[in-house]
Structure formats: structure tokens, C-alpha cells
């Protein structure tokens, strides 16, 4: 990556929330705020992964109060509500919105004449 981003410093930090699912909003916000402070501002983060956690750290009201404008790249948040760019600014989702995925699966099933499908 030195050739790709020659004038940038990359940091890796993994934060455990103590749960196997989403963290509580205040817990994830506190960890996000601490990371932002420790690194003297962050241009972008990859994660969180869980849609509830992404909503917590990208909510416009919280960002304004915490003075955080970091771009959040979320690899797996799929909640349709996160498509509201006014409410969740500076969010780039790398997974498709659940609403679009279910519409595509339904269209595929109809086109192929499937009567029943199972999604795991």
C-alpha cells in the first residue's frame, strides 16, 4: 500500500464490543469517538459492520454534536433506513440495501417460475 497511498498513514484498530451482535448505541459511539480522538481525527473508517452500529455512528445529530465528519465505509450494513443520506451522511455501504436485494430475488423467482425459495 505504500505505492498506493504514499503520503498517508494507515492505522489498524480492532475494537471488541463484548457482544456477538450489535453493540449498544452509546458503547459503539464511545469507542468510535475514542478512536477518532486517539488518532487526531480520522478521514475514513472501515466498519462498523452491523446496521444498528452504523446508524449509531453515522447519525447526523450525533456527528454534529461530536464534531465528527469521518467517512464510514460499512462492508455489511444492509438496513434500508441507512439509504437516507440526510440522516446518515458520509456513509458508503459496500453491501446492497435489503430492499433492493429482496426485490431482485423476487423478480428472479418470478422470471424463472419458482414457486418457493429458501434464503439462508
PDB file of N, CA and C in Angstrom:
ATOM      1  N   UNK A   1       0.806  -1.207   0.000  1.00  0.00           N
ATOM      2  CA  UNK A   1       0.000   0.000   0.000  1.00  0.00           C
ATOM      3  C   UNK A   1       0.844   1.263   0.000  1.00  0.00           C
ATOM      4  N   UNK A   2       2.135   1.135   0.249  1.00  0.00           N
ATOM      5  CA  UNK A   2       2.983   2.319   0.252  1.00  0.00           C
ATOM      6  C   UNK A   2       2.961   3.037  -1.092  1.00  0.00           C
ATOM      7  N   UNK A   3       2.889   2.289  -2.193  1.00  0.00           N
ATOM      8  CA  UNK A   3       2.833   2.901  -3.513  1.00  0.00           C
ATOM      9  C   UNK A   3       1.448   3.460  -3.816  1.00  0.00           C
ATOM     10  N   UNK A   4       0.441   2.843  -3.242  1.00  0.00           N
ATOM     11  CA  UNK A   4      -0.928   3.264  -3.500  1.00  0.00           C
ATOM     12  C   UNK A   4      -1.269   4.574  -2.788  1.00  0.00           C
ATOM     13  N   UNK A   5      -0.811   4.721  -1.549  1.00  0.00           N
ATOM     14  CA  UNK A   5      -1.076   5.921  -0.746  1.00  0.00           C
ATOM     15  C   UNK A   5       0.235   6.424  -0.148  1.00  0.00           C
ATOM     16  N   UNK A   6       1.110   6.989  -0.966  1.00  0.00           N
ATOM     17  CA  UNK A   6       2.454   7.340  -0.488  1.00  0.00           C
ATOM     18  C   UNK A   6       2.494   8.408   0.599  1.00  0.00           C
ATOM     19  N   UNK A   7       1.534   9.300   0.650  1.00  0.00           N
ATOM     20  CA  UNK A   7       1.578  10.395   1.624  1.00  0.00           C
ATOM     21  C   UNK A   7       0.552  10.226   2.739  1.00  0.00           C
ATOM     22  N   UNK A   8       0.182   8.997   3.020  1.00  0.00           N
ATOM     23  CA  UNK A   8      -0.832   8.716   4.028  1.00  0.00           C
ATOM     24  C   UNK A   8      -0.342   7.674   5.018  1.00  0.00           C
ATOM     25  N   UNK A   9      -0.884   7.721   6.187  1.00  0.00           N
ATOM     26  CA  UNK A   9      -0.589   6.724   7.207  1.00  0.00           C
ATOM     27  C   UNK A   9      -1.861   5.916   7.453  1.00  0.00           C
ATOM     28  N   UNK A  10      -1.729   4.603   7.412  1.00  0.00           N
ATOM     29  CA  UNK A  10      -2.865   3.726   7.663  1.00  0.00           C
ATOM     30  C   UNK A  10      -2.738   3.132   9.051  1.00  0.00           C
ATOM     31  N   UNK A  11      -3.838   3.127   9.780  1.00  0.00           N
ATOM     32  CA  UNK A  11      -3.881   2.540  11.117  1.00  0.00           C
ATOM     33  C   UNK A  11      -4.867   1.390  11.105  1.00  0.00           C
ATOM     34  N   UNK A  12      -4.553   0.380  11.857  1.00  0.00           N
ATOM     35  CA  UNK A  12      -5.464  -0.744  12.023  1.00  0.00           C
ATOM     36  C   UNK A  12      -5.832  -0.824  13.493  1.00  0.00           C
ATOM     37  N   UNK A  13      -7.108  -0.828  13.753  1.00  0.00           N
ATOM     38  CA  UNK A  13      -7.575  -0.945  15.127  1.00  0.00           C
ATOM     39  C   UNK A  13      -8.815  -1.807  15.131  1.00  0.00           C
ATOM     40  N   UNK A  14      -8.805  -2.850  15.927  1.00  0.00           N
ATOM     41  CA  UNK A  14      -9.989  -3.696  16.059  1.00  0.00           C
ATOM     42  C   UNK A  14     -10.548  -3.488  17.450  1.00  0.00           C
ATOM     43  N   UNK A  15     -11.802  -3.121  17.517  1.00  0.00           N
ATOM     44  CA  UNK A  15     -12.448  -2.857  18.796  1.00  0.00           C
ATOM     45  C   UNK A  15     -13.488  -3.935  19.048  1.00  0.00           C
ATOM     46  N   UNK A  16     -13.364  -4.613  20.159  1.00  0.00           N
ATOM     47  CA  UNK A  16     -14.339  -5.632  20.545  1.00  0.00           C
ATOM     48  C   UNK A  16     -15.423  -4.973  21.393  1.00  0.00           C
ATOM     49  N   UNK A  17     -16.662  -5.256  21.059  1.00  0.00           N
ATOM     50  CA  UNK A  17     -17.765  -4.656  21.796  1.00  0.00           C
ATOM     51  C   UNK A  17     -18.215  -5.522  22.961  1.00  0.00           C
ATOM     52  N   UNK A  18     -17.712  -6.746  23.038  1.00  0.00           N
ATOM     53  CA  UNK A  18     -18.123  -7.638  24.120  1.00  0.00           C
ATOM     54  C   UNK A  18     -19.394  -8.397  23.803  1.00  0.00           C
ATOM     55  N   UNK A  19     -19.941  -8.186  22.612  1.00  0.00           N
ATOM     56  CA  UNK A  19     -21.139  -8.908  22.206  1.00  0.00           C
ATOM     57  C   UNK A  19     -20.864  -9.615  20.887  1.00  0.00           C
ATOM     58  N   UNK A  20     -21.710 -10.548  20.545  1.00  0.00           N
ATOM     59  CA  UNK A  20     -21.570 -11.227  19.262  1.00  0.00           C
ATOM     60  C   UNK A  20     -22.389 -10.535  18.183  1.00  0.00           C
ATOM     61  N   UNK A  21     -23.260  -9.659  18.549  1.00  0.00           N
ATOM     62  CA  UNK A  21     -24.083  -8.928  17.596  1.00  0.00           C
ATOM     63  C   UNK A  21     -23.746  -7.452  17.637  1.00  0.00           C
ATOM     64  N   UNK A  22     -24.748  -6.651  17.476  1.00  0.00           N
ATOM     65  CA  UNK A  22     -24.562  -5.203  17.509  1.00  0.00           C
ATOM     66  C   UNK A  22     -24.295  -4.737  18.940  1.00  0.00           C
ATOM     67  N   UNK A  23     -23.526  -3.678  19.046  1.00  0.00           N
ATOM     68  CA  UNK A  23     -23.289  -3.066  20.357  1.00  0.00           C
ATOM     69  C   UNK A  23     -24.436  -2.099  20.653  1.00  0.00           C
ATOM     70  N   UNK A  24     -24.531  -1.657  21.878  1.00  0.00           N
ATOM     71  CA  UNK A  24     -25.499  -0.614  22.185  1.00  0.00           C
ATOM     72  C   UNK A  24     -24.979   0.697  21.610  1.00  0.00           C
ATOM     73  N   UNK A  25     -25.881   1.572  21.209  1.00  0.00           N
ATOM     74  CA  UNK A  25     -25.504   2.819  20.541  1.00  0.00           C
ATOM     75  C   UNK A  25     -24.453   3.613  21.301  1.00  0.00           C
ATOM     76  N   UNK A  26     -24.659   3.794  22.589  1.00  0.00           N
ATOM     77  CA  UNK A  26     -23.710   4.598  23.367  1.00  0.00           C
ATOM     78  C   UNK A  26     -22.337   3.939  23.431  1.00  0.00           C
ATOM     79  N   UNK A  27     -22.283   2.618  23.510  1.00  0.00           N
ATOM     80  CA  UNK A  27     -20.999   1.906  23.576  1.00  0.00           C
ATOM     81  C   UNK A  27     -20.221   2.071  22.278  1.00  0.00           C
ATOM     82  N   UNK A  28     -20.879   1.885  21.146  1.00  0.00           N
ATOM     83  CA  UNK A  28     -20.178   1.989  19.869  1.00  0.00           C
ATOM     84  C   UNK A  28     -19.795   3.443  19.592  1.00  0.00           C
ATOM     85  N   UNK A  29     -20.651   4.388  19.982  1.00  0.00           N
ATOM     86  CA  UNK A  29     -20.323   5.802  19.798  1.00  0.00           C
ATOM     87  C   UNK A  29     -19.115   6.187  20.652  1.00  0.00           C
ATOM     88  N   UNK A  30     -19.064   5.697  21.859  1.00  0.00           N
ATOM     89  CA  UNK A  30     -17.940   5.986  22.747  1.00  0.00           C
ATOM     90  C   UNK A  30     -16.642   5.437  22.167  1.00  0.00           C
ATOM     91  N   UNK A  31     -16.678   4.219  21.659  1.00  0.00           N
ATOM     92  CA  UNK A  31     -15.483   3.622  21.065  1.00  0.00           C
ATOM     93  C   UNK A  31     -15.064   4.358  19.796  1.00  0.00           C
ATOM     94  N   UNK A  32     -16.021   4.749  18.988  1.00  0.00           N
ATOM     95  CA  UNK A  32     -15.745   5.486  17.755  1.00  0.00           C
ATOM     96  C   UNK A  32     -15.127   6.849  18.086  1.00  0.00           C
ATOM     97  N   UNK A  33     -15.709   7.524  19.062  1.00  0.00           N
ATOM     98  CA  UNK A  33     -15.213   8.826  19.496  1.00  0.00           C
ATOM     99  C   UNK A  33     -13.789   8.719  20.047  1.00  0.00           C
ATOM    100  N   UNK A  34     -13.522   7.670  20.830  1.00  0.00           N
ATOM    101  CA  UNK A  34     -12.184   7.459  21.390  1.00  0.00           C
ATOM    102  C   UNK A  34     -11.156   7.214  20.285  1.00  0.00           C
ATOM    103  N   UNK A  35     -11.503   6.403  19.305  1.00  0.00           N
ATOM    104  CA  UNK A  35     -10.601   6.134  18.186  1.00  0.00           C
ATOM    105  C   UNK A  35     -10.327   7.421  17.410  1.00  0.00           C
ATOM    106  N   UNK A  36     -11.367   8.201  17.172  1.00  0.00           N
ATOM    107  CA  UNK A  36     -11.234   9.479  16.468  1.00  0.00           C
ATOM    108  C   UNK A  36     -10.286  10.405  17.238  1.00  0.00           C
ATOM    109  N   UNK A  37     -10.430  10.454  18.541  1.00  0.00           N
ATOM    110  CA  UNK A  37      -9.590  11.290  19.395  1.00  0.00           C
ATOM    111  C   UNK A  37      -8.145  10.780  19.429  1.00  0.00           C
ATOM    112  N   UNK A  38      -7.970   9.470  19.599  1.00  0.00           N
ATOM    113  CA  UNK A  38      -6.637   8.882  19.676  1.00  0.00           C
ATOM    114  C   UNK A  38      -5.819   9.119  18.415  1.00  0.00           C
ATOM    115  N   UNK A  39      -6.479   9.169  17.280  1.00  0.00           N
ATOM    116  CA  UNK A  39      -5.771   9.325  16.003  1.00  0.00           C
ATOM    117  C   UNK A  39      -5.778  10.771  15.509  1.00  0.00           C
ATOM    118  N   UNK A  40      -6.163  11.699  16.358  1.00  0.00           N
ATOM    119  CA  UNK A  40      -6.212  13.118  15.985  1.00  0.00           C
ATOM    120  C   UNK A  40      -7.048  13.350  14.735  1.00  0.00           C
ATOM    121  N   UNK A  41      -8.190  12.767  14.713  1.00  0.00           N
ATOM    122  CA  UNK A  41      -9.075  12.880  13.559  1.00  0.00           C
ATOM    123  C   UNK A  41      -8.803  11.740  12.603  1.00  0.00           C
ATOM    124  N   UNK A  42      -9.829  11.249  11.980  1.00  0.00           N
ATOM    125  CA  UNK A  42      -9.728  10.143  11.045  1.00  0.00           C
ATOM    126  C   UNK A  42     -10.472  10.553   9.790  1.00  0.00           C
ATOM    127  N   UNK A  43      -9.877  10.314   8.633  1.00  0.00           N
ATOM    128  CA  UNK A  43     -10.517  10.662   7.376  1.00  0.00           C
ATOM    129  C   UNK A  43     -11.610   9.654   7.040  1.00  0.00           C
ATOM    130  N   UNK A  44     -11.324   8.364   7.254  1.00  0.00           N
ATOM    131  CA  UNK A  44     -12.301   7.329   6.936  1.00  0.00           C
ATOM    132  C   UNK A  44     -12.086   6.118   7.833  1.00  0.00           C
ATOM    133  N   UNK A  45     -13.157   5.379   8.044  1.00  0.00           N
ATOM    134  CA  UNK A  45     -13.072   4.117   8.780  1.00  0.00           C
ATOM    135  C   UNK A  45     -13.754   3.035   7.967  1.00  0.00           C
ATOM    136  N   UNK A  46     -13.302   1.819   8.141  1.00  0.00           N
ATOM    137  CA  UNK A  46     -13.991   0.665   7.578  1.00  0.00           C
ATOM    138  C   UNK A  46     -14.679   0.000   8.758  1.00  0.00           C
ATOM    139  N   UNK A  47     -15.977  -0.028   8.713  1.00  0.00           N
ATOM    140  CA  UNK A  47     -16.758  -0.539   9.829  1.00  0.00           C
ATOM    141  C   UNK A  47     -17.354   0.625  10.578  1.00  0.00           C
ATOM    142  N   UNK A  48     -18.302   0.341  11.400  1.00  0.00           N
ATOM    143  CA  UNK A  48     -18.736  -0.962  11.870  1.00  0.00           C
ATOM    144  C   UNK A  48     -19.477  -1.755  10.800  1.00  0.00           C
ATOM    145  N   UNK A  49     -19.792  -3.003  11.145  1.00  0.00           N
ATOM    146  CA  UNK A  49     -20.420  -3.914  10.217  1.00  0.00           C
ATOM    147  C   UNK A  49     -21.929  -3.992  10.402  1.00  0.00           C
ATOM    148  N   UNK A  50     -22.387  -4.003  11.611  1.00  0.00           N
ATOM    149  CA  UNK A  50     -23.800  -4.158  11.953  1.00  0.00           C
ATOM    150  C   UNK A  50     -24.575  -2.870  11.620  1.00  0.00           C
ATOM    151  N   UNK A  51     -25.731  -3.006  10.995  1.00  0.00           N
ATOM    152  CA  UNK A  51     -26.516  -1.836  10.600  1.00  0.00           C
ATOM    153  C   UNK A  51     -26.859  -0.927  11.776  1.00  0.00           C
ATOM    154  N   UNK A  52     -27.199  -1.497  12.938  1.00  0.00           N
ATOM    155  CA  UNK A  52     -27.515  -0.668  14.101  1.00  0.00           C
ATOM    156  C   UNK A  52     -26.297   0.141  14.548  1.00  0.00           C
ATOM    157  N   UNK A  53     -25.114  -0.472  14.520  1.00  0.00           N
ATOM    158  CA  UNK A  53     -23.892   0.237  14.899  1.00  0.00           C
ATOM    159  C   UNK A  53     -23.561   1.326  13.885  1.00  0.00           C
ATOM    160  N   UNK A  54     -23.758   1.020  12.612  1.00  0.00           N
ATOM    161  CA  UNK A  54     -23.513   2.017  11.565  1.00  0.00           C
ATOM    162  C   UNK A  54     -24.445   3.209  11.752  1.00  0.00           C
ATOM    163  N   UNK A  55     -25.707   2.936  12.030  1.00  0.00           N
ATOM    164  CA  UNK A  55     -26.667   4.012  12.265  1.00  0.00           C
ATOM    165  C   UNK A  55     -26.238   4.871  13.447  1.00  0.00           C
ATOM    166  N   UNK A  56     -25.735   4.234  14.489  1.00  0.00           N
ATOM    167  CA  UNK A  56     -25.333   4.975  15.691  1.00  0.00           C
ATOM    168  C   UNK A  56     -24.199   5.952  15.412  1.00  0.00           C
ATOM    169  N   UNK A  57     -23.200   5.549  14.622  1.00  0.00           N
ATOM    170  CA  UNK A  57     -22.032   6.423  14.416  1.00  0.00           C
ATOM    171  C   UNK A  57     -22.127   7.291  13.168  1.00  0.00           C
ATOM    172  N   UNK A  58     -23.193   7.119  12.375  1.00  0.00           N
ATOM    173  CA  UNK A  58     -23.345   7.983  11.203  1.00  0.00           C
ATOM    174  C   UNK A  58     -24.548   8.909  11.308  1.00  0.00           C
ATOM    175  N   UNK A  59     -25.313   8.809  12.378  1.00  0.00           N
ATOM    176  CA  UNK A  59     -26.485   9.676  12.556  1.00  0.00           C
ATOM    177  C   UNK A  59     -26.060  11.138  12.564  1.00  0.00           C
ATOM    178  N   UNK A  60     -26.724  11.936  11.751  1.00  0.00           N
ATOM    179  CA  UNK A  60     -26.365  13.352  11.586  1.00  0.00           C
ATOM    180  C   UNK A  60     -26.335  14.110  12.912  1.00  0.00           C
ATOM    181  N   UNK A  61     -27.324  13.858  13.787  1.00  0.00           N
ATOM    182  CA  UNK A  61     -27.386  14.591  15.059  1.00  0.00           C
ATOM    183  C   UNK A  61     -26.176  14.276  15.934  1.00  0.00           C
ATOM    184  N   UNK A  62     -25.812  12.990  16.010  1.00  0.00           N
ATOM    185  CA  UNK A  62     -24.668  12.616  16.843  1.00  0.00           C
ATOM    186  C   UNK A  62     -23.376  13.166  16.259  1.00  0.00           C
ATOM    187  N   UNK A  63     -23.213  13.071  14.948  1.00  0.00           N
ATOM    188  CA  UNK A  63     -21.997  13.576  14.302  1.00  0.00           C
ATOM    189  C   UNK A  63     -21.818  15.074  14.553  1.00  0.00           C
ATOM    190  N   UNK A  64     -22.914  15.805  14.452  1.00  0.00           N
ATOM    191  CA  UNK A  64     -22.840  17.253  14.666  1.00  0.00           C
ATOM    192  C   UNK A  64     -22.432  17.563  16.104  1.00  0.00           C
ATOM    193  N   UNK A  65     -23.006  16.870  17.045  1.00  0.00           N
ATOM    194  CA  UNK A  65     -22.679  17.090  18.449  1.00  0.00           C
ATOM    195  C   UNK A  65     -21.269  16.667  18.810  1.00  0.00           C
ATOM    196  N   UNK A  66     -20.776  15.604  18.157  1.00  0.00           N
ATOM    197  CA  UNK A  66     -19.437  15.097  18.444  1.00  0.00           C
ATOM    198  C   UNK A  66     -18.380  15.739  17.545  1.00  0.00           C
ATOM    199  N   UNK A  67     -18.817  16.566  16.580  1.00  0.00           N
ATOM    200  CA  UNK A  67     -17.926  17.227  15.620  1.00  0.00           C
ATOM    201  C   UNK A  67     -17.069  16.193  14.876  1.00  0.00           C
ATOM    202  N   UNK A  68     -17.730  15.174  14.353  1.00  0.00           N
ATOM    203  CA  UNK A  68     -17.061  14.111  13.608  1.00  0.00           C
ATOM    204  C   UNK A  68     -17.640  14.065  12.192  1.00  0.00           C
ATOM    205  N   UNK A  69     -16.769  14.154  11.186  1.00  0.00           N
ATOM    206  CA  UNK A  69     -17.225  14.096   9.798  1.00  0.00           C
ATOM    207  C   UNK A  69     -16.599  12.932   9.033  1.00  0.00           C
ATOM    208  N   UNK A  70     -16.007  12.005   9.745  1.00  0.00           N
ATOM    209  CA  UNK A  70     -15.351  10.849   9.155  1.00  0.00           C
ATOM    210  C   UNK A  70     -16.265  10.095   8.190  1.00  0.00           C
ATOM    211  N   UNK A  71     -15.721   9.697   7.045  1.00  0.00           N
ATOM    212  CA  UNK A  71     -16.449   8.839   6.124  1.00  0.00           C
ATOM    213  C   UNK A  71     -16.434   7.426   6.702  1.00  0.00           C
ATOM    214  N   UNK A  72     -17.586   6.792   6.723  1.00  0.00           N
ATOM    215  CA  UNK A  72     -17.704   5.422   7.233  1.00  0.00           C
ATOM    216  C   UNK A  72     -17.996   4.506   6.052  1.00  0.00           C
ATOM    217  N   UNK A  73     -17.104   3.544   5.838  1.00  0.00           N
ATOM    218  CA  UNK A  73     -17.299   2.519   4.812  1.00  0.00           C
ATOM    219  C   UNK A  73     -17.760   1.261   5.538  1.00  0.00           C
ATOM    220  N   UNK A  74     -18.993   0.877   5.317  1.00  0.00           N
ATOM    221  CA  UNK A  74     -19.526  -0.296   6.010  1.00  0.00           C
ATOM    222  C   UNK A  74     -19.637  -1.472   5.050  1.00  0.00           C
ATOM    223  N   UNK A  75     -18.892  -2.533   5.325  1.00  0.00           N
ATOM    224  CA  UNK A  75     -18.902  -3.699   4.442  1.00  0.00           C
ATOM    225  C   UNK A  75     -20.197  -4.498   4.440  1.00  0.00           C
ATOM    226  N   UNK A  76     -21.011  -4.391   5.491  1.00  0.00           N
ATOM    227  CA  UNK A  76     -22.154  -5.300   5.547  1.00  0.00           C
ATOM    228  C   UNK A  76     -23.449  -4.714   6.090  1.00  0.00           C
ATOM    229  N   UNK A  77     -23.550  -3.420   6.244  1.00  0.00           N
ATOM    230  CA  UNK A  77     -24.817  -2.852   6.723  1.00  0.00           C
ATOM    231  C   UNK A  77     -25.812  -2.810   5.562  1.00  0.00           C
ATOM    232  N   UNK A  78     -26.967  -3.383   5.768  1.00  0.00           N
ATOM    233  CA  UNK A  78     -27.941  -3.518   4.686  1.00  0.00           C
ATOM    234  C   UNK A  78     -29.307  -2.901   4.984  1.00  0.00           C
ATOM    235  N   UNK A  79     -29.489  -2.319   6.156  1.00  0.00           N
ATOM    236  CA  UNK A  79     -30.793  -1.763   6.541  1.00  0.00           C
ATOM    237  C   UNK A  79     -31.229  -0.658   5.572  1.00  0.00           C
ATOM    238  N   UNK A  80     -32.445  -0.740   5.039  1.00  0.00           N
ATOM    239  CA  UNK A  80     -32.928   0.263   4.098  1.00  0.00           C
ATOM    240  C   UNK A  80     -32.914   1.694   4.651  1.00  0.00           C
ATOM    241  N   UNK A  81     -33.126   1.869   5.948  1.00  0.00           N
ATOM    242  CA  UNK A  81     -33.163   3.214   6.526  1.00  0.00           C
ATOM    243  C   UNK A  81     -31.847   3.973   6.314  1.00  0.00           C
ATOM    244  N   UNK A  82     -30.743   3.249   6.200  1.00  0.00           N
ATOM    245  CA  UNK A  82     -29.435   3.896   6.044  1.00  0.00           C
ATOM    246  C   UNK A  82     -29.253   4.548   4.673  1.00  0.00           C
ATOM    247  N   UNK A  83     -30.191   4.342   3.767  1.00  0.00           N
ATOM    248  CA  UNK A  83     -30.134   4.987   2.449  1.00  0.00           C
ATOM    249  C   UNK A  83     -30.449   6.475   2.530  1.00  0.00           C
ATOM    250  N   UNK A  84     -30.955   6.951   3.655  1.00  0.00           N
ATOM    251  CA  UNK A  84     -31.292   8.365   3.841  1.00  0.00           C
ATOM    252  C   UNK A  84     -30.005   9.149   4.089  1.00  0.00           C
ATOM    253  N   UNK A  85     -29.474   9.780   3.033  1.00  0.00           N
ATOM    254  CA  UNK A  85     -28.179  10.469   3.146  1.00  0.00           C
ATOM    255  C   UNK A  85     -28.240  11.710   4.022  1.00  0.00           C
ATOM    256  N   UNK A  86     -29.408  12.275   4.203  1.00  0.00           N
ATOM    257  CA  UNK A  86     -29.541  13.418   5.100  1.00  0.00           C
ATOM    258  C   UNK A  86     -29.421  13.006   6.557  1.00  0.00           C
ATOM    259  N   UNK A  87     -30.006  11.874   6.889  1.00  0.00           N
ATOM    260  CA  UNK A  87     -29.978  11.380   8.263  1.00  0.00           C
ATOM    261  C   UNK A  87     -28.673  10.665   8.586  1.00  0.00           C
ATOM    262  N   UNK A  88     -28.034  10.063   7.575  1.00  0.00           N
ATOM    263  CA  UNK A  88     -26.794   9.304   7.770  1.00  0.00           C
ATOM    264  C   UNK A  88     -25.740   9.752   6.756  1.00  0.00           C
ATOM    265  N   UNK A  89     -25.168  10.948   6.961  1.00  0.00           N
ATOM    266  CA  UNK A  89     -24.207  11.495   5.993  1.00  0.00           C
ATOM    267  C   UNK A  89     -22.845  10.786   6.053  1.00  0.00           C
ATOM    268  N   UNK A  90     -22.115  10.919   4.972  1.00  0.00           N
ATOM    269  CA  UNK A  90     -20.756  10.368   4.865  1.00  0.00           C
ATOM    270  C   UNK A  90     -20.714   8.866   5.095  1.00  0.00           C
ATOM    271  N   UNK A  91     -21.719   8.167   4.629  1.00  0.00           N
ATOM    272  CA  UNK A  91     -21.783   6.712   4.759  1.00  0.00           C
ATOM    273  C   UNK A  91     -21.695   6.095   3.373  1.00  0.00           C
ATOM    274  N   UNK A  92     -20.778   5.177   3.211  1.00  0.00           N
ATOM    275  CA  UNK A  92     -20.642   4.417   1.973  1.00  0.00           C
ATOM    276  C   UNK A  92     -20.820   2.950   2.331  1.00  0.00           C
ATOM    277  N   UNK A  93     -21.888   2.372   1.837  1.00  0.00           N
ATOM    278  CA  UNK A  93     -22.145   0.958   2.115  1.00  0.00           C
ATOM    279  C   UNK A  93     -21.624   0.110   0.969  1.00  0.00           C
ATOM    280  N   UNK A  94     -20.934  -0.956   1.308  1.00  0.00           N
ATOM    281  CA  UNK A  94     -20.349  -1.840   0.313  1.00  0.00           C
ATOM    282  C   UNK A  94     -21.232  -3.051   0.050  1.00  0.00           C
ATOM    283  N   UNK A  95     -22.365  -3.129   0.715  1.00  0.00           N
ATOM    284  CA  UNK A  95     -23.357  -4.187   0.520  1.00  0.00           C
ATOM    285  C   UNK A  95     -24.639  -3.561   0.011  1.00  0.00           C
ATOM    286  N   UNK A  96     -25.415  -4.346  -0.677  1.00  0.00           N
ATOM    287  CA  UNK A  96     -26.682  -3.845  -1.210  1.00  0.00           C
ATOM    288  C   UNK A  96     -27.724  -3.690  -0.114  1.00  0.00           C
ATOM    289  N   UNK A  97     -28.559  -2.710  -0.298  1.00  0.00           N
ATOM    290  CA  UNK A  97     -29.689  -2.437   0.566  1.00  0.00           C
ATOM    291  C   UNK A  97     -30.635  -3.648   0.536  1.00  0.00           C
ATOM    292  N   UNK A  98     -31.116  -4.082   1.712  1.00  0.00           N
ATOM    293  CA  UNK A  98     -32.023  -5.241   1.784  1.00  0.00           C
ATOM    294  C   UNK A  98     -33.240  -5.088   0.878  1.00  0.00           C
ATOM    295  N   UNK A  99     -33.743  -3.868   0.757  1.00  0.00           N
ATOM    296  CA  UNK A  99     -34.929  -3.635  -0.075  1.00  0.00           C
ATOM    297  C   UNK A  99     -34.643  -4.003  -1.531  1.00  0.00           C
ATOM    298  N   UNK A 100     -33.459  -3.635  -2.024  1.00  0.00           N
ATOM    299  CA  UNK A 100     -33.111  -3.925  -3.413  1.00  0.00           C
ATOM    300  C   UNK A 100     -32.820  -5.411  -3.617  1.00  0.00           C
ATOM    301  N   UNK A 101     -32.198  -6.039  -2.647  1.00  0.00           N
ATOM    302  CA  UNK A 101     -31.887  -7.467  -2.748  1.00  0.00           C
ATOM    303  C   UNK A 101     -33.173  -8.288  -2.792  1.00  0.00           C
ATOM    304  N   UNK A 102     -34.112  -7.987  -1.899  1.00  0.00           N
ATOM    305  CA  UNK A 102     -35.354  -8.763  -1.884  1.00  0.00           C
ATOM    306  C   UNK A 102     -36.160  -8.544  -3.165  1.00  0.00           C
ATOM    307  N   UNK A 103     -36.134  -7.337  -3.695  1.00  0.00           N
ATOM    308  CA  UNK A 103     -36.830  -7.070  -4.969  1.00  0.00           C
ATOM    309  C   UNK A 103     -36.191  -7.867  -6.101  1.00  0.00           C
ATOM    310  N   UNK A 104     -34.872  -7.927  -6.126  1.00  0.00           N
ATOM    311  CA  UNK A 104     -34.158  -8.668  -7.167  1.00  0.00           C
ATOM    312  C   UNK A 104     -34.428 -10.170  -7.056  1.00  0.00           C
ATOM    313  N   UNK A 105     -34.424 -10.706  -5.842  1.00  0.00           N
ATOM    314  CA  UNK A 105     -34.702 -12.132  -5.647  1.00  0.00           C
ATOM    315  C   UNK A 105     -36.139 -12.449  -6.077  1.00  0.00           C
ATOM    316  N   UNK A 106     -37.078 -11.589  -5.739  1.00  0.00           N
ATOM    317  CA  UNK A 106     -38.472 -11.805  -6.130  1.00  0.00           C
ATOM    318  C   UNK A 106     -38.616 -11.775  -7.659  1.00  0.00           C
ATOM    319  N   UNK A 107     -37.949 -10.838  -8.313  1.00  0.00           N
ATOM    320  CA  UNK A 107     -38.002 -10.753  -9.774  1.00  0.00           C
ATOM    321  C   UNK A 107     -37.374 -11.989 -10.417  1.00  0.00           C
ATOM    322  N   UNK A 108     -36.281 -12.461  -9.856  1.00  0.00           N
ATOM    323  CA  UNK A 108     -35.629 -13.663 -10.375  1.00  0.00           C
ATOM    324  C   UNK A 108     -36.546 -14.872 -10.219  1.00  0.00           C
ATOM    325  N   UNK A 109     -37.161 -15.021  -9.048  1.00  0.00           N
ATOM    326  CA  UNK A 109     -38.067 -16.149  -8.810  1.00  0.00           C
ATOM    327  C   UNK A 109     -39.248 -16.111  -9.775  1.00  0.00           C
ATOM    328  N   UNK A 110     -39.783 -14.917 -10.012  1.00  0.00           N
ATOM    329  CA  UNK A 110     -40.908 -14.789 -10.940  1.00  0.00           C
ATOM    330  C   UNK A 110     -40.488 -15.143 -12.359  1.00  0.00           C
ATOM    331  N   UNK A 111     -39.357 -14.631 -12.777  1.00  0.00           N
ATOM    332  CA  UNK A 111     -38.863 -14.881 -14.143  1.00  0.00           C
ATOM    333  C   UNK A 111     -38.600 -16.363 -14.380  1.00  0.00           C
ATOM    334  N   UNK A 112     -38.067 -17.043 -13.376  1.00  0.00           N
ATOM    335  CA  UNK A 112     -37.741 -18.454 -13.527  1.00  0.00           C
ATOM    336  C   UNK A 112     -38.899 -19.382 -13.157  1.00  0.00           C
ATOM    337  N   UNK A 113     -40.011 -18.793 -12.725  1.00  0.00           N
ATOM    338  CA  UNK A 113     -41.190 -19.582 -12.403  1.00  0.00           C
ATOM    339  C   UNK A 113     -41.076 -20.383 -11.116  1.00  0.00           C
ATOM    340  N   UNK A 114     -40.217 -19.943 -10.235  1.00  0.00           N
ATOM    341  CA  UNK A 114     -40.068 -20.661  -8.970  1.00  0.00           C
ATOM    342  C   UNK A 114     -41.280 -20.375  -8.095  1.00  0.00           C
ATOM    343  N   UNK A 115     -41.802 -21.409  -7.472  1.00  0.00           N
ATOM    344  CA  UNK A 115     -42.961 -21.275  -6.598  1.00  0.00           C
ATOM    345  C   UNK A 115     -42.545 -21.038  -5.140  1.00  0.00           C
ATOM    346  N   UNK A 116     -41.373 -21.549  -4.787  1.00  0.00           N
ATOM    347  CA  UNK A 116     -40.885 -21.393  -3.418  1.00  0.00           C
ATOM    348  C   UNK A 116     -39.357 -21.342  -3.445  1.00  0.00           C
ATOM    349  N   UNK A 117     -38.791 -20.498  -2.602  1.00  0.00           N
ATOM    350  CA  UNK A 117     -37.334 -20.427  -2.470  1.00  0.00           C
ATOM    351  C   UNK A 117     -36.986 -20.356  -0.997  1.00  0.00           C
ATOM    352  N   UNK A 118     -35.754 -20.652  -0.687  1.00  0.00           N
ATOM    353  CA  UNK A 118     -35.269 -20.574   0.680  1.00  0.00           C
ATOM    354  C   UNK A 118     -34.032 -19.697   0.690  1.00  0.00           C
ATOM    355  N   UNK A 119     -34.002 -18.715   1.560  1.00  0.00           N
ATOM    356  CA  UNK A 119     -32.852 -17.832   1.690  1.00  0.00           C
ATOM    357  C   UNK A 119     -32.212 -18.104   3.046  1.00  0.00           C
ATOM    358  N   UNK A 120     -30.948 -18.496   3.039  1.00  0.00           N
ATOM    359  CA  UNK A 120     -30.244 -18.808   4.282  1.00  0.00           C
ATOM    360  C   UNK A 120     -29.397 -17.640   4.706  1.00  0.00           C
TER     361      UNK A 120
END
